[in-house]
PDB file of N, CA and C in Angstrom:
ATOM      1  N   MET A   1     101.834  78.759 -12.222  1.00  0.00           N
ATOM      2  CA  MET A   1     101.735  78.460 -10.962  1.00  0.00           C
ATOM      3  C   MET A   1     102.211  77.009 -10.163  1.00  0.00           C
ATOM      4  N   ALA A   2     102.209  76.122 -11.094  1.00  0.00           N
ATOM      5  CA  ALA A   2     102.400  74.699 -10.912  1.00  0.00           C
ATOM      6  C   ALA A   2     104.006  74.926 -10.165  1.00  0.00           C
ATOM      7  N   ASP A   3     104.655  75.524 -10.774  1.00  0.00           N
ATOM      8  CA  ASP A   3     106.513  75.270 -10.395  1.00  0.00           C
ATOM      9  C   ASP A   3     106.421  76.210  -9.171  1.00  0.00           C
ATOM     10  N   LEU A   4     105.523  76.817  -8.813  1.00  0.00           N
ATOM     11  CA  LEU A   4     105.648  77.184  -7.332  1.00  0.00           C
ATOM     12  C   LEU A   4     105.837  76.601  -6.029  1.00  0.00           C
ATOM     13  N   PRO A   5     106.287  76.586  -5.168  1.00  0.00           N
ATOM     14  CA  PRO A   5     106.502  75.515  -3.586  1.00  0.00           C
ATOM     15  C   PRO A   5     105.058  76.023  -3.282  1.00  0.00           C
ATOM     16  N   ASP A   6     104.613  74.852  -2.531  1.00  0.00           N
ATOM     17  CA  ASP A   6     103.278  74.540  -1.951  1.00  0.00           C
ATOM     18  C   ASP A   6     103.387  75.618  -0.819  1.00  0.00           C
ATOM     19  N   LYS A   7     103.065  76.511  -0.419  1.00  0.00           N
ATOM     20  CA  LYS A   7     103.013  77.971   0.449  1.00  0.00           C
ATOM     21  C   LYS A   7     101.930  78.599   0.142  1.00  0.00           C
ATOM     22  N   LEU A   8     101.398  78.861   1.262  1.00  0.00           N
ATOM     23  CA  LEU A   8     100.546  80.034   1.374  1.00  0.00           C
ATOM     24  C   LEU A   8     101.006  81.419   1.291  1.00  0.00           C
ATOM     25  N   TYR A   9     102.071  81.711   1.717  1.00  0.00           N
ATOM     26  CA  TYR A   9     102.488  82.821   1.696  1.00  0.00           C
ATOM     27  C   TYR A   9     104.186  82.853   1.577  1.00  0.00           C
ATOM     28  N   PHE A  10     104.623  83.639   0.698  1.00  0.00           N
ATOM     29  CA  PHE A  10     105.919  83.777   0.267  1.00  0.00           C
ATOM     30  C   PHE A  10     106.630  85.499   0.713  1.00  0.00           C
ATOM     31  N   ARG A  11     107.673  85.446   1.123  1.00  0.00           N
ATOM     32  CA  ARG A  11     108.248  86.661   1.345  1.00  0.00           C
ATOM     33  C   ARG A  11     108.917  87.263   0.502  1.00  0.00           C
ATOM     34  N   ILE A  12     109.042  88.843   0.234  1.00  0.00           N
ATOM     35  CA  ILE A  12     109.433  89.492  -0.877  1.00  0.00           C
ATOM     36  C   ILE A  12     110.580  89.007  -1.278  1.00  0.00           C
ATOM     37  N   GLY A  13     111.649  88.733  -0.592  1.00  0.00           N
ATOM     38  CA  GLY A  13     113.057  88.144  -1.336  1.00  0.00           C
ATOM     39  C   GLY A  13     112.523  86.449  -2.133  1.00  0.00           C
ATOM     40  N   GLU A  14     111.913  85.713  -1.468  1.00  0.00           N
ATOM     41  CA  GLU A  14     111.522  84.658  -2.096  1.00  0.00           C
ATOM     42  C   GLU A  14     111.024  84.780  -3.385  1.00  0.00           C
ATOM     43  N   VAL A  15     109.820  86.181  -3.403  1.00  0.00           N
ATOM     44  CA  VAL A  15     109.344  86.251  -4.747  1.00  0.00           C
ATOM     45  C   VAL A  15     109.872  86.780  -5.694  1.00  0.00           C
ATOM     46  N   ALA A  16     110.692  87.995  -5.350  1.00  0.00           N
ATOM     47  CA  ALA A  16     111.976  88.253  -6.117  1.00  0.00           C
ATOM     48  C   ALA A  16     112.903  87.120  -6.994  1.00  0.00           C
ATOM     49  N   GLU A  17     113.279  86.285  -5.910  1.00  0.00           N
ATOM     50  CA  GLU A  17     114.025  85.288  -6.684  1.00  0.00           C
ATOM     51  C   GLU A  17     113.353  84.478  -7.752  1.00  0.00           C
ATOM     52  N   LEU A  18     112.000  84.309  -7.430  1.00  0.00           N
ATOM     53  CA  LEU A  18     110.840  83.269  -8.265  1.00  0.00           C
ATOM     54  C   LEU A  18     110.777  84.354  -9.787  1.00  0.00           C
ATOM     55  N   VAL A  19     110.516  85.493  -9.155  1.00  0.00           N
ATOM     56  CA  VAL A  19     110.112  86.233 -10.660  1.00  0.00           C
ATOM     57  C   VAL A  19     111.687  86.668 -11.281  1.00  0.00           C
ATOM     58  N   GLY A  20     112.693  86.670 -11.036  1.00  0.00           N
ATOM     59  CA  GLY A  20     113.865  87.298 -11.709  1.00  0.00           C
ATOM     60  C   GLY A  20     114.407  88.662 -11.509  1.00  0.00           C
ATOM     61  N   VAL A  21     113.698  88.883 -10.782  1.00  0.00           N
ATOM     62  CA  VAL A  21     114.106  91.171 -10.276  1.00  0.00           C
ATOM     63  C   VAL A  21     114.217  90.941  -9.061  1.00  0.00           C
ATOM     64  N   GLU A  22     114.941  92.484  -8.991  1.00  0.00           N
ATOM     65  CA  GLU A  22     115.085  93.109  -7.461  1.00  0.00           C
ATOM     66  C   GLU A  22     114.058  93.142  -6.621  1.00  0.00           C
ATOM     67  N   ALA A  23     114.233  92.802  -5.325  1.00  0.00           N
ATOM     68  CA  ALA A  23     112.898  93.338  -4.261  1.00  0.00           C
ATOM     69  C   ALA A  23     112.292  94.976  -4.820  1.00  0.00           C
ATOM     70  N   HIS A  24     113.227  95.719  -4.923  1.00  0.00           N
ATOM     71  CA  HIS A  24     112.968  97.100  -4.981  1.00  0.00           C
ATOM     72  C   HIS A  24     111.823  97.077  -6.178  1.00  0.00           C
ATOM     73  N   VAL A  25     112.317  96.637  -7.232  1.00  0.00           N
ATOM     74  CA  VAL A  25     111.435  96.057  -8.634  1.00  0.00           C
ATOM     75  C   VAL A  25     109.996  95.857  -8.464  1.00  0.00           C
ATOM     76  N   LEU A  26     109.781  94.907  -7.089  1.00  0.00           N
ATOM     77  CA  LEU A  26     108.459  94.338  -6.822  1.00  0.00           C
ATOM     78  C   LEU A  26     107.917  95.633  -6.271  1.00  0.00           C
ATOM     79  N   ARG A  27     108.364  96.075  -5.185  1.00  0.00           N
ATOM     80  CA  ARG A  27     107.948  97.287  -4.817  1.00  0.00           C
ATOM     81  C   ARG A  27     107.549  98.213  -5.788  1.00  0.00           C
ATOM     82  N   TYR A  28     108.029  98.739  -6.349  1.00  0.00           N
ATOM     83  CA  TYR A  28     107.870  99.859  -7.491  1.00  0.00           C
ATOM     84  C   TYR A  28     106.410  99.014  -8.513  1.00  0.00           C
ATOM     85  N   TRP A  29     106.689  97.616  -9.084  1.00  0.00           N
ATOM     86  CA  TRP A  29     105.451  97.351  -9.565  1.00  0.00           C
ATOM     87  C   TRP A  29     104.216  97.383  -8.766  1.00  0.00           C
ATOM     88  N   GLU A  30     104.155  97.070  -7.566  1.00  0.00           N
ATOM     89  CA  GLU A  30     103.158  97.220  -6.606  1.00  0.00           C
ATOM     90  C   GLU A  30     102.562  98.491  -6.819  1.00  0.00           C
ATOM     91  N   THR A  31     102.990  99.453  -6.728  1.00  0.00           N
ATOM     92  CA  THR A  31     102.287 100.771  -7.094  1.00  0.00           C
ATOM     93  C   THR A  31     101.764 101.143  -8.211  1.00  0.00           C
ATOM     94  N   GLU A  32     102.866 100.449  -9.211  1.00  0.00           N
ATOM     95  CA  GLU A  32     102.224 100.838 -10.617  1.00  0.00           C
ATOM     96  C   GLU A  32     101.055  99.957 -10.892  1.00  0.00           C
ATOM     97  N   PHE A  33     100.677  98.670 -10.547  1.00  0.00           N
ATOM     98  CA  PHE A  33      99.892  97.592 -11.098  1.00  0.00           C
ATOM     99  C   PHE A  33      98.738  97.376  -9.978  1.00  0.00           C
ATOM    100  N   LYS A  34      98.701  98.324  -8.320  1.00  0.00           N
ATOM    101  CA  LYS A  34      97.890  98.280  -7.470  1.00  0.00           C
ATOM    102  C   LYS A  34      97.902  96.936  -6.754  1.00  0.00           C
ATOM    103  N   LEU A  35      99.212  96.452  -6.483  1.00  0.00           N
ATOM    104  CA  LEU A  35      99.073  95.094  -5.798  1.00  0.00           C
ATOM    105  C   LEU A  35      98.974  95.250  -4.432  1.00  0.00           C
ATOM    106  N   ARG A  36      98.413  94.542  -3.481  1.00  0.00           N
ATOM    107  CA  ARG A  36      98.730  95.060  -1.753  1.00  0.00           C
ATOM    108  C   ARG A  36      98.891  93.528  -1.305  1.00  0.00           C
ATOM    109  N   PRO A  37     100.226  93.785  -0.974  1.00  0.00           N
ATOM    110  CA  PRO A  37     100.712  92.305  -0.427  1.00  0.00           C
ATOM    111  C   PRO A  37      99.774  92.401   1.184  1.00  0.00           C
ATOM    112  N   HIS A  38      99.501  91.148   1.607  1.00  0.00           N
ATOM    113  CA  HIS A  38      99.320  91.242   3.247  1.00  0.00           C
ATOM    114  C   HIS A  38     100.591  91.721   4.028  1.00  0.00           C
ATOM    115  N   ARG A  39     100.284  92.128   5.203  1.00  0.00           N
ATOM    116  CA  ARG A  39     101.495  92.655   6.085  1.00  0.00           C
ATOM    117  C   ARG A  39     101.546  91.272   7.171  1.00  0.00           C
ATOM    118  N   SER A  40     102.594  91.254   7.780  1.00  0.00           N
ATOM    119  CA  SER A  40     102.788  90.524   8.857  1.00  0.00           C
ATOM    120  C   SER A  40     102.504  91.074  10.114  1.00  0.00           C
ATOM    121  N   SER A  41     102.400  90.598  11.649  1.00  0.00           N
ATOM    122  CA  SER A  41     102.849  91.419  12.303  1.00  0.00           C
ATOM    123  C   SER A  41     103.659  92.700  12.665  1.00  0.00           C
ATOM    124  N   SER A  42     104.523  92.009  12.085  1.00  0.00           N
ATOM    125  CA  SER A  42     106.032  93.096  11.849  1.00  0.00           C
ATOM    126  C   SER A  42     105.938  93.782  10.944  1.00  0.00           C
ATOM    127  N   GLY A  43     105.358  93.793   9.749  1.00  0.00           N
ATOM    128  CA  GLY A  43     104.778  94.744   8.782  1.00  0.00           C
ATOM    129  C   GLY A  43     105.854  94.218   7.643  1.00  0.00           C
ATOM    130  N   GLN A  44     106.118  93.054   7.461  1.00  0.00           N
ATOM    131  CA  GLN A  44     106.877  92.583   6.399  1.00  0.00           C
ATOM    132  C   GLN A  44     105.866  92.200   5.048  1.00  0.00           C
ATOM    133  N   ARG A  45     106.298  91.896   4.195  1.00  0.00           N
ATOM    134  CA  ARG A  45     104.995  91.787   2.912  1.00  0.00           C
ATOM    135  C   ARG A  45     104.879  90.243   2.503  1.00  0.00           C
ATOM    136  N   LEU A  46     103.847  89.704   2.371  1.00  0.00           N
ATOM    137  CA  LEU A  46     103.846  88.650   2.680  1.00  0.00           C
ATOM    138  C   LEU A  46     102.691  88.364   1.086  1.00  0.00           C
ATOM    139  N   TYR A  47     103.213  87.748   0.259  1.00  0.00           N
ATOM    140  CA  TYR A  47     102.380  87.931  -0.727  1.00  0.00           C
ATOM    141  C   TYR A  47     101.979  85.804  -1.312  1.00  0.00           C
ATOM    142  N   ARG A  48     100.764  86.058  -1.708  1.00  0.00           N
ATOM    143  CA  ARG A  48     100.369  84.576  -2.141  1.00  0.00           C
ATOM    144  C   ARG A  48     100.360  84.200  -3.555  1.00  0.00           C
ATOM    145  N   LYS A  49     100.071  82.974  -3.935  1.00  0.00           N
ATOM    146  CA  LYS A  49     100.739  82.269  -5.191  1.00  0.00           C
ATOM    147  C   LYS A  49     100.107  83.347  -6.244  1.00  0.00           C
ATOM    148  N   GLN A  50      98.744  83.895  -5.879  1.00  0.00           N
ATOM    149  CA  GLN A  50      98.308  84.812  -6.962  1.00  0.00           C
ATOM    150  C   GLN A  50      98.702  86.121  -6.973  1.00  0.00           C
ATOM    151  N   ASP A  51      99.611  86.334  -6.267  1.00  0.00           N
ATOM    152  CA  ASP A  51     100.742  87.446  -6.177  1.00  0.00           C
ATOM    153  C   ASP A  51     101.596  87.518  -7.148  1.00  0.00           C
ATOM    154  N   VAL A  52     102.022  86.062  -6.664  1.00  0.00           N
ATOM    155  CA  VAL A  52     103.642  85.853  -7.547  1.00  0.00           C
ATOM    156  C   VAL A  52     103.103  85.449  -9.138  1.00  0.00           C
ATOM    157  N   SER A  53     101.877  84.918  -9.022  1.00  0.00           N
ATOM    158  CA  SER A  53     101.605  84.840 -10.559  1.00  0.00           C
ATOM    159  C   SER A  53     101.495  85.854 -11.471  1.00  0.00           C
ATOM    160  N   ARG A  54     100.833  86.825 -10.552  1.00  0.00           N
ATOM    161  CA  ARG A  54     100.617  88.158 -11.536  1.00  0.00           C
ATOM    162  C   ARG A  54     102.164  88.883 -11.647  1.00  0.00           C
ATOM    163  N   PHE A  55     102.849  88.963 -10.766  1.00  0.00           N
ATOM    164  CA  PHE A  55     104.511  89.336 -10.973  1.00  0.00           C
ATOM    165  C   PHE A  55     104.926  88.822 -11.944  1.00  0.00           C
ATOM    166  N   LEU A  56     104.897  87.639 -12.253  1.00  0.00           N
ATOM    167  CA  LEU A  56     105.340  86.620 -13.293  1.00  0.00           C
ATOM    168  C   LEU A  56     104.753  87.368 -14.440  1.00  0.00           C
ATOM    169  N   ARG A  57     103.253  87.342 -14.471  1.00  0.00           N
ATOM    170  CA  ARG A  57     102.871  87.794 -15.965  1.00  0.00           C
ATOM    171  C   ARG A  57     103.331  89.203 -15.954  1.00  0.00           C
ATOM    172  N   VAL A  58     103.604  90.273 -15.196  1.00  0.00           N
ATOM    173  CA  VAL A  58     103.808  91.773 -15.359  1.00  0.00           C
ATOM    174  C   VAL A  58     105.492  91.450 -15.699  1.00  0.00           C
ATOM    175  N   ARG A  59     106.231  90.479 -15.067  1.00  0.00           N
ATOM    176  CA  ARG A  59     107.647  90.444 -16.028  1.00  0.00           C
ATOM    177  C   ARG A  59     107.729  90.053 -17.596  1.00  0.00           C
ATOM    178  N   GLN A  60     106.685  89.216 -17.570  1.00  0.00           N
ATOM    179  CA  GLN A  60     106.468  88.575 -18.967  1.00  0.00           C
ATOM    180  C   GLN A  60     105.899  89.609 -19.784  1.00  0.00           C
ATOM    181  N   LEU A  61     105.222  90.578 -19.832  1.00  0.00           N
ATOM    182  CA  LEU A  61     104.919  91.846 -20.652  1.00  0.00           C
ATOM    183  C   LEU A  61     105.967  92.413 -20.938  1.00  0.00           C
ATOM    184  N   LEU A  62     106.488  93.033 -19.630  1.00  0.00           N
ATOM    185  CA  LEU A  62     107.772  94.190 -19.767  1.00  0.00           C
ATOM    186  C   LEU A  62     108.676  93.505 -20.412  1.00  0.00           C
ATOM    187  N   HIS A  63     109.121  92.297 -19.713  1.00  0.00           N
ATOM    188  CA  HIS A  63     110.671  92.319 -20.597  1.00  0.00           C
ATOM    189  C   HIS A  63     110.800  91.116 -21.514  1.00  0.00           C
ATOM    190  N   GLU A  64     109.762  90.085 -21.823  1.00  0.00           N
ATOM    191  CA  GLU A  64     109.689  89.377 -23.015  1.00  0.00           C
ATOM    192  C   GLU A  64     108.898  89.821 -24.177  1.00  0.00           C
ATOM    193  N   GLU A  65     107.684  90.605 -23.863  1.00  0.00           N
ATOM    194  CA  GLU A  65     106.968  90.941 -24.562  1.00  0.00           C
ATOM    195  C   GLU A  65     106.935  92.534 -25.436  1.00  0.00           C
ATOM    196  N   GLY A  66     107.707  93.017 -24.388  1.00  0.00           N
ATOM    197  CA  GLY A  66     108.127  94.638 -24.752  1.00  0.00           C
ATOM    198  C   GLY A  66     107.316  95.694 -24.551  1.00  0.00           C
ATOM    199  N   PHE A  67     106.337  95.309 -23.820  1.00  0.00           N
ATOM    200  CA  PHE A  67     104.969  96.301 -23.177  1.00  0.00           C
ATOM    201  C   PHE A  67     105.571  97.793 -22.422  1.00  0.00           C
ATOM    202  N   THR A  68     105.201  98.596 -22.575  1.00  0.00           N
ATOM    203  CA  THR A  68     105.536  99.660 -21.660  1.00  0.00           C
ATOM    204  C   THR A  68     104.760  99.183 -20.156  1.00  0.00           C
ATOM    205  N   ILE A  69     105.044  99.985 -19.331  1.00  0.00           N
ATOM    206  CA  ILE A  69     104.328  99.668 -17.977  1.00  0.00           C
ATOM    207  C   ILE A  69     102.572 100.131 -18.315  1.00  0.00           C
ATOM    208  N   ALA A  70     102.590 101.124 -18.941  1.00  0.00           N
ATOM    209  CA  ALA A  70     101.267 101.680 -19.447  1.00  0.00           C
ATOM    210  C   ALA A  70     100.339 100.455 -20.264  1.00  0.00           C
ATOM    211  N   GLY A  71     101.129  99.843 -21.006  1.00  0.00           N
ATOM    212  CA  GLY A  71     100.548  99.078 -21.766  1.00  0.00           C
ATOM    213  C   GLY A  71     100.082  97.532 -21.053  1.00  0.00           C
ATOM    214  N   ALA A  72     101.165  97.071 -19.946  1.00  0.00           N
ATOM    215  CA  ALA A  72     100.925  96.230 -19.258  1.00  0.00           C
ATOM    216  C   ALA A  72      99.904  96.083 -18.544  1.00  0.00           C
ATOM    217  N   ARG A  73      99.984  97.703 -17.871  1.00  0.00           N
ATOM    218  CA  ARG A  73      98.791  97.945 -16.506  1.00  0.00           C
ATOM    219  C   ARG A  73      97.450  97.838 -17.509  1.00  0.00           C
ATOM    220  N   LYS A  74      97.535  98.007 -18.899  1.00  0.00           N
ATOM    221  CA  LYS A  74      95.972  98.193 -19.457  1.00  0.00           C
ATOM    222  C   LYS A  74      95.432  96.559 -19.725  1.00  0.00           C
ATOM    223  N   VAL A  75      96.796  96.047 -20.137  1.00  0.00           N
ATOM    224  CA  VAL A  75      96.265  94.313 -20.189  1.00  0.00           C
ATOM    225  C   VAL A  75      95.754  93.627 -19.053  1.00  0.00           C
ATOM    226  N   LEU A  76      96.574  93.661 -18.356  1.00  0.00           N
ATOM    227  CA  LEU A  76      95.964  93.311 -16.563  1.00  0.00           C
ATOM    228  C   LEU A  76      94.657  93.824 -16.292  1.00  0.00           C
ATOM    229  N   LEU A  77      94.362  95.482 -16.436  1.00  0.00           N
ATOM    230  CA  LEU A  77      93.567  95.707 -15.382  1.00  0.00           C
ATOM    231  C   LEU A  77      92.078  95.365 -16.653  1.00  0.00           C
ATOM    232  N   GLU A  78      92.400  95.135 -17.879  1.00  0.00           N
ATOM    233  CA  GLU A  78      91.180  94.693 -18.263  1.00  0.00           C
ATOM    234  C   GLU A  78      91.042  92.950 -18.869  1.00  0.00           C
ATOM    235  N   GLY A  79      92.162  92.753 -17.804  1.00  0.00           N
ATOM    236  CA  GLY A  79      91.565  90.876 -17.890  1.00  0.00           C
ATOM    237  C   GLY A  79      91.774  90.262 -19.434  1.00  0.00           C
ATOM    238  N   ALA A  80      92.059  91.361 -20.528  1.00  0.00           N
ATOM    239  CA  ALA A  80      92.344  90.542 -21.521  1.00  0.00           C
ATOM    240  C   ALA A  80      93.913  90.033 -22.024  1.00  0.00           C
ATOM    241  N   GLU A  81      93.765  89.342 -22.897  1.00  0.00           N
ATOM    242  CA  GLU A  81      95.365  88.593 -23.379  1.00  0.00           C
ATOM    243  C   GLU A  81      95.805  90.033 -24.015  1.00  0.00           C
ATOM    244  N   ALA A  82      96.999  90.140 -23.937  1.00  0.00           N
ATOM    245  CA  ALA A  82      97.916  90.892 -24.832  1.00  0.00           C
ATOM    246  C   ALA A  82      97.619  90.678 -26.428  1.00  0.00           C
ATOM    247  N   PRO A  83      97.423  91.687 -26.874  1.00  0.00           N
ATOM    248  CA  PRO A  83      97.606  91.921 -28.182  1.00  0.00           C
ATOM    249  C   PRO A  83      98.645  91.172 -29.321  1.00  0.00           C
ATOM    250  N   GLN A  84      98.176  90.653 -30.530  1.00  0.00           N
ATOM    251  CA  GLN A  84      99.620  89.973 -30.426  1.00  0.00           C
ATOM    252  C   GLN A  84     100.470  91.142 -30.903  1.00  0.00           C
ATOM    253  N   SER A  85     101.674  90.612 -30.490  1.00  0.00           N
ATOM    254  CA  SER A  85     102.748  91.896 -30.345  1.00  0.00           C
ATOM    255  C   SER A  85     103.952  91.313 -30.997  1.00  0.00           C
ATOM    256  N   ASN A  86     104.974  91.971 -31.593  1.00  0.00           N
ATOM    257  CA  ASN A  86     106.190  92.006 -32.275  1.00  0.00           C
ATOM    258  C   ASN A  86     107.643  92.031 -31.669  1.00  0.00           C
ATOM    259  N   GLY A  87     107.144  91.912 -30.586  1.00  0.00           N
ATOM    260  CA  GLY A  87     108.337  91.880 -29.328  1.00  0.00           C
ATOM    261  C   GLY A  87     108.527  93.016 -28.991  1.00  0.00           C
ATOM    262  N   VAL A  88     108.247  94.511 -29.413  1.00  0.00           N
ATOM    263  CA  VAL A  88     108.289  95.703 -29.215  1.00  0.00           C
ATOM    264  C   VAL A  88     106.946  96.419 -27.985  1.00  0.00           C
ATOM    265  N   GLY A  89     106.260  95.287 -28.044  1.00  0.00           N
ATOM    266  CA  GLY A  89     104.680  96.130 -27.133  1.00  0.00           C
ATOM    267  C   GLY A  89     103.955  96.676 -28.492  1.00  0.00           C
ATOM    268  N   VAL A  90     104.048  96.836 -29.876  1.00  0.00           N
ATOM    269  CA  VAL A  90     103.444  97.190 -30.732  1.00  0.00           C
ATOM    270  C   VAL A  90     102.517  96.287 -30.909  1.00  0.00           C
ATOM    271  N   GLU A  91     101.274  96.562 -31.367  1.00  0.00           N
ATOM    272  CA  GLU A  91     100.359  95.251 -31.830  1.00  0.00           C
ATOM    273  C   GLU A  91     100.794  95.399 -33.650  1.00  0.00           C
ATOM    274  N   LYS A  92     100.534  94.037 -33.979  1.00  0.00           N
ATOM    275  CA  LYS A  92     100.912  94.211 -35.329  1.00  0.00           C
ATOM    276  C   LYS A  92     100.029  94.715 -36.434  1.00  0.00           C
ATOM    277  N   THR A  93      98.638  94.831 -35.849  1.00  0.00           N
ATOM    278  CA  THR A  93      97.619  95.704 -36.995  1.00  0.00           C
ATOM    279  C   THR A  93      98.366  97.026 -36.836  1.00  0.00           C
ATOM    280  N   ALA A  94      98.685  97.503 -36.065  1.00  0.00           N
ATOM    281  CA  ALA A  94      99.023  99.150 -36.041  1.00  0.00           C
ATOM    282  C   ALA A  94     100.378  99.197 -36.947  1.00  0.00           C
ATOM    283  N   LEU A  95     101.215  98.039 -36.760  1.00  0.00           N
ATOM    284  CA  LEU A  95     102.688  98.030 -37.811  1.00  0.00           C
ATOM    285  C   LEU A  95     101.865  98.312 -38.959  1.00  0.00           C
ATOM    286  N   ASP A  96     101.230  97.064 -39.355  1.00  0.00           N
ATOM    287  CA  ASP A  96     100.560  96.898 -40.643  1.00  0.00           C
ATOM    288  C   ASP A  96     100.101  98.048 -41.342  1.00  0.00           C
ATOM    289  N   ASP A  97      99.408  98.873 -40.636  1.00  0.00           N
ATOM    290  CA  ASP A  97      98.697 100.112 -41.451  1.00  0.00           C
ATOM    291  C   ASP A  97      99.574 101.253 -41.344  1.00  0.00           C
ATOM    292  N   ALA A  98     100.739 101.247 -40.629  1.00  0.00           N
ATOM    293  CA  ALA A  98     101.621 102.535 -40.769  1.00  0.00           C
ATOM    294  C   ALA A  98     102.530 101.857 -41.747  1.00  0.00           C
ATOM    295  N   LEU A  99     102.978 100.604 -41.904  1.00  0.00           N
ATOM    296  CA  LEU A  99     103.698  99.948 -43.213  1.00  0.00           C
ATOM    297  C   LEU A  99     102.887 100.536 -44.283  1.00  0.00           C
ATOM    298  N   ARG A 100     101.762 100.141 -44.695  1.00  0.00           N
ATOM    299  CA  ARG A 100     100.725 100.476 -45.897  1.00  0.00           C
ATOM    300  C   ARG A 100     100.614 102.536 -46.287  1.00  0.00           C
ATOM    301  N   ARG A 101     100.576 102.967 -45.197  1.00  0.00           N
ATOM    302  CA  ARG A 101     100.966 104.308 -45.104  1.00  0.00           C
ATOM    303  C   ARG A 101     101.837 104.751 -45.742  1.00  0.00           C
ATOM    304  N   VAL A 102     103.171 104.213 -45.422  1.00  0.00           N
ATOM    305  CA  VAL A 102     104.499 104.833 -45.698  1.00  0.00           C
ATOM    306  C   VAL A 102     104.422 104.168 -47.425  1.00  0.00           C
ATOM    307  N   ARG A 103     104.331 102.781 -47.472  1.00  0.00           N
ATOM    308  CA  ARG A 103     104.016 102.414 -48.737  1.00  0.00           C
ATOM    309  C   ARG A 103     103.468 103.467 -50.024  1.00  0.00           C
ATOM    310  N   ALA A 104     102.498 103.780 -49.494  1.00  0.00           N
ATOM    311  CA  ALA A 104     101.564 104.751 -50.363  1.00  0.00           C
ATOM    312  C   ALA A 104     102.329 106.330 -50.408  1.00  0.00           C
ATOM    313  N   VAL A 105     102.600 106.821 -49.098  1.00  0.00           N
ATOM    314  CA  VAL A 105     103.438 108.174 -49.528  1.00  0.00           C
ATOM    315  C   VAL A 105     104.979 107.555 -50.811  1.00  0.00           C
ATOM    316  N   ARG A 106     105.187 106.616 -50.269  1.00  0.00           N
ATOM    317  CA  ARG A 106     106.803 106.177 -51.104  1.00  0.00           C
ATOM    318  C   ARG A 106     106.107 106.333 -52.900  1.00  0.00           C
ATOM    319  N   GLU A 107     104.964 105.668 -52.839  1.00  0.00           N
ATOM    320  CA  GLU A 107     104.638 105.359 -54.595  1.00  0.00           C
ATOM    321  C   GLU A 107     104.289 106.850 -54.828  1.00  0.00           C
ATOM    322  N   ARG A 108     103.749 108.177 -53.713  1.00  0.00           N
ATOM    323  CA  ARG A 108     103.348 108.823 -54.278  1.00  0.00           C
ATOM    324  C   ARG A 108     104.859 110.437 -54.845  1.00  0.00           C
ATOM    325  N   LEU A 109     105.456 109.883 -53.852  1.00  0.00           N
ATOM    326  CA  LEU A 109     106.875 110.731 -54.294  1.00  0.00           C
ATOM    327  C   LEU A 109     107.371 109.910 -55.322  1.00  0.00           C
ATOM    328  N   SER A 110     107.747 108.678 -55.596  1.00  0.00           N
ATOM    329  CA  SER A 110     107.933 108.483 -56.904  1.00  0.00           C
ATOM    330  C   SER A 110     107.065 108.532 -58.344  1.00  0.00           C
ATOM    331  N   ARG A 111     105.941 108.621 -58.035  1.00  0.00           N
ATOM    332  CA  ARG A 111     105.247 109.483 -59.336  1.00  0.00           C
ATOM    333  C   ARG A 111     105.864 110.557 -59.682  1.00  0.00           C
ATOM    334  N   LEU A 112     105.678 111.659 -58.307  1.00  0.00           N
ATOM    335  CA  LEU A 112     106.376 113.182 -58.659  1.00  0.00           C
ATOM    336  C   LEU A 112     107.726 113.341 -58.953  1.00  0.00           C
ATOM    337  N   LEU A 113     108.460 112.356 -58.417  1.00  0.00           N
ATOM    338  CA  LEU A 113     109.752 112.454 -59.163  1.00  0.00           C
ATOM    339  C   LEU A 113     109.865 112.007 -60.795  1.00  0.00           C
ATOM    340  N   THR A 114     108.968 110.912 -61.203  1.00  0.00           N
ATOM    341  CA  THR A 114     109.095 110.835 -62.509  1.00  0.00           C
ATOM    342  C   THR A 114     108.335 111.833 -63.260  1.00  0.00           C
ATOM    343  N   GLU A 115     107.578 112.689 -62.935  1.00  0.00           N
ATOM    344  CA  GLU A 115     106.730 113.549 -63.426  1.00  0.00           C
ATOM    345  C   GLU A 115     107.581 114.759 -63.550  1.00  0.00           C
ATOM    346  N   LEU A 116     108.519 115.250 -62.543  1.00  0.00           N
ATOM    347  CA  LEU A 116     109.642 116.442 -62.675  1.00  0.00           C
ATOM    348  C   LEU A 116     111.044 116.057 -63.427  1.00  0.00           C
ATOM    349  N   GLY A 117     111.058 114.633 -63.477  1.00  0.00           N
ATOM    350  CA  GLY A 117     112.481 113.985 -64.191  1.00  0.00           C
ATOM    351  C   GLY A 117     112.417 113.835 -65.485  1.00  0.00           C
TER     352      GLY A 117
END
């Protein structure tokens, strides 16, 4: 948040530029992550620094850490830190468990081949 200009409110174009996405993406994220910006008397969206920070976190979860919308929503709503990720939005423990099961199946198949062969 230290990199943000010292302003009370930001317009949607400014936020889009700061976050690095198009304005329509911000409007979509508003609906998905239940963000409600303030409105000017003319109806224009006005975002606070904490809104911009939240958009930056959403972008990080979706674009850098590979979470789905649902996964990012869960992380944000629970207020929890993101689980250890491998870059595709899958927890490392889940991958380790799947790998263990695949290796067990491979070993059983190998034994069967040996018995049949």
